[in-house]
């Protein structure tokens, strides 16, 4: 299994202000679903940050997202080790397959693959 990208997810009630602020550092908006906005570096597209008001289908806003090449294998590995699954593995309407898991520090990680 390979990691494709890692990005922080920031809970925000100031979506436009956050976009404008990080725009000053060179980030550009690459996704906006209303409840989540993702910004990326044009020079290094995998360098990203997301801002979320809430997660549309999950019970919590994750602290970070990790995109892997095989989310099913990641899910199986986490379950086998007894990790706490916060949001079950499922396909989302916006084109990802994902699950949430709690890390040893209590942080919630959104593990995903694009379909």
Protein backbone atom coordinates (compact mmCIF):
# COMPACT_ATOMS: atom_id res chain seq x y z
CA UNK A 1 0.00 0.00 0.00
CA UNK A 2 1.36 3.44 -0.92
CA UNK A 3 0.53 6.88 0.48
CA UNK A 4 -0.37 9.39 -2.24
CA UNK A 5 -0.86 12.53 -0.12
CA UNK A 6 -1.50 13.75 3.40
CA UNK A 7 -3.39 16.93 4.26
CA UNK A 8 -4.56 18.67 7.40
CA UNK A 9 -8.28 19.26 7.84
CA UNK A 10 -9.11 22.45 9.73
CA UNK A 11 -12.54 22.97 11.30
CA UNK A 12 -13.60 26.44 10.17
CA UNK A 13 -16.50 28.85 10.33
CA UNK A 14 -14.46 31.30 8.23
CA UNK A 15 -14.21 29.47 4.91
CA UNK A 16 -13.77 32.49 2.62
CA UNK A 17 -11.35 34.18 4.98
CA UNK A 18 -9.30 30.97 5.22
CA UNK A 19 -9.20 30.63 1.43
CA UNK A 20 -8.07 34.25 1.07
CA UNK A 21 -5.46 33.95 3.84
CA UNK A 22 -3.85 30.80 2.43
CA UNK A 23 -4.12 32.29 -1.05
CA UNK A 24 -1.55 34.84 0.13
CA UNK A 25 0.84 31.90 0.58
CA UNK A 26 0.22 30.71 -2.98
CA UNK A 27 -2.53 28.13 -2.43
CA UNK A 28 -5.40 27.95 -4.93
CA UNK A 29 -8.87 26.46 -4.50
CA UNK A 30 -9.12 23.04 -6.15
CA UNK A 31 -12.37 21.77 -4.58
CA UNK A 32 -15.37 23.41 -2.95
CA UNK A 33 -18.44 21.44 -1.86
CA UNK A 34 -19.75 24.19 0.41
CA UNK A 35 -18.98 22.26 3.61
CA UNK A 36 -15.38 21.49 2.59
CA UNK A 37 -12.92 23.56 0.59
CA UNK A 38 -9.52 22.23 -0.45
CA UNK A 39 -6.61 24.42 -1.45
CA UNK A 40 -3.47 23.20 -3.21
CA UNK A 41 -0.12 24.51 -4.30
CA UNK A 42 -0.03 24.95 -8.10
CA UNK A 43 3.67 24.03 -8.09
CA UNK A 44 3.19 20.93 -5.88
CA UNK A 45 -0.45 19.79 -6.20
CA UNK A 46 -0.16 17.18 -3.44
CA UNK A 47 0.61 19.99 -0.94
CA UNK A 48 -2.92 20.69 0.27
CA UNK A 49 -5.01 21.94 3.18
CA UNK A 50 -8.77 21.57 3.65
CA UNK A 51 -11.25 23.65 5.65
CA UNK A 52 -14.51 22.09 6.84
CA UNK A 53 -17.59 23.40 8.58
CA UNK A 54 -18.72 19.81 9.26
CA UNK A 55 -18.39 16.47 7.53
CA UNK A 56 -21.41 15.73 5.35
CA UNK A 57 -21.68 11.99 6.06
CA UNK A 58 -19.51 11.34 9.11
CA UNK A 59 -20.01 12.10 12.81
CA UNK A 60 -16.88 14.27 13.22
CA UNK A 61 -14.50 16.47 11.23
CA UNK A 62 -11.29 14.49 10.81
CA UNK A 63 -7.99 16.04 11.87
CA UNK A 64 -6.19 14.89 8.74
CA UNK A 65 -6.73 12.96 5.52
CA UNK A 66 -4.42 10.32 4.12
CA UNK A 67 -4.96 9.22 0.53
CA UNK A 68 -3.71 5.69 -0.15
CA UNK A 69 -3.68 3.59 -3.29
CA UNK A 70 -5.73 0.77 -1.67
CA UNK A 71 -8.22 1.91 0.97
CA UNK A 72 -9.67 -1.58 1.32
CA UNK A 73 -6.25 -2.95 2.33
CA UNK A 74 -5.78 -0.06 4.78
CA UNK A 75 -9.19 -0.75 6.31
CA UNK A 76 -8.42 -4.46 6.68
CA UNK A 77 -5.06 -3.70 8.33
CA UNK A 78 -6.63 -1.27 10.81
CA UNK A 79 -9.42 -3.70 11.72
CA UNK A 80 -6.94 -6.56 12.09
CA UNK A 81 -4.93 -4.49 14.59
CA UNK A 82 -8.06 -3.54 16.53
CA UNK A 83 -7.94 0.19 15.71
CA UNK A 84 -11.02 2.24 16.61
CA UNK A 85 -13.05 2.79 13.46
CA UNK A 86 -14.99 6.07 13.80
CA UNK A 87 -16.73 6.03 10.39
CA UNK A 88 -17.12 2.77 8.43
CA UNK A 89 -15.64 2.10 5.01
CA UNK A 90 -18.03 3.41 2.38
CA UNK A 91 -18.25 4.97 -1.06
CA UNK A 92 -19.11 8.68 -1.02
CA UNK A 93 -21.08 10.47 -3.73
CA UNK A 94 -18.17 12.85 -4.45
CA UNK A 95 -15.98 10.03 -5.77
CA UNK A 96 -14.00 8.69 -2.84
CA UNK A 97 -14.06 5.49 -0.82
CA UNK A 98 -13.11 6.20 2.78
CA UNK A 99 -13.20 5.40 6.47
CA UNK A 100 -12.21 7.27 9.65
CA UNK A 101 -9.93 5.76 12.29
CA UNK A 102 -8.62 7.13 15.61
CA UNK A 103 -4.82 7.23 15.93
CA UNK A 104 -2.93 6.51 19.21
CA UNK A 105 -2.99 10.26 20.02
CA UNK A 106 -6.76 10.49 19.76
CA UNK A 107 -6.70 12.21 16.36
CA UNK A 108 -9.25 11.20 13.74
CA UNK A 109 -7.75 10.23 10.38
CA UNK A 110 -9.79 10.11 7.17
CA UNK A 111 -8.24 7.33 5.06
CA UNK A 112 -9.36 7.44 1.44
CA UNK A 113 -8.85 6.44 -2.17
CA UNK A 114 -10.41 8.03 -5.22
CA UNK A 115 -12.67 5.69 -7.17
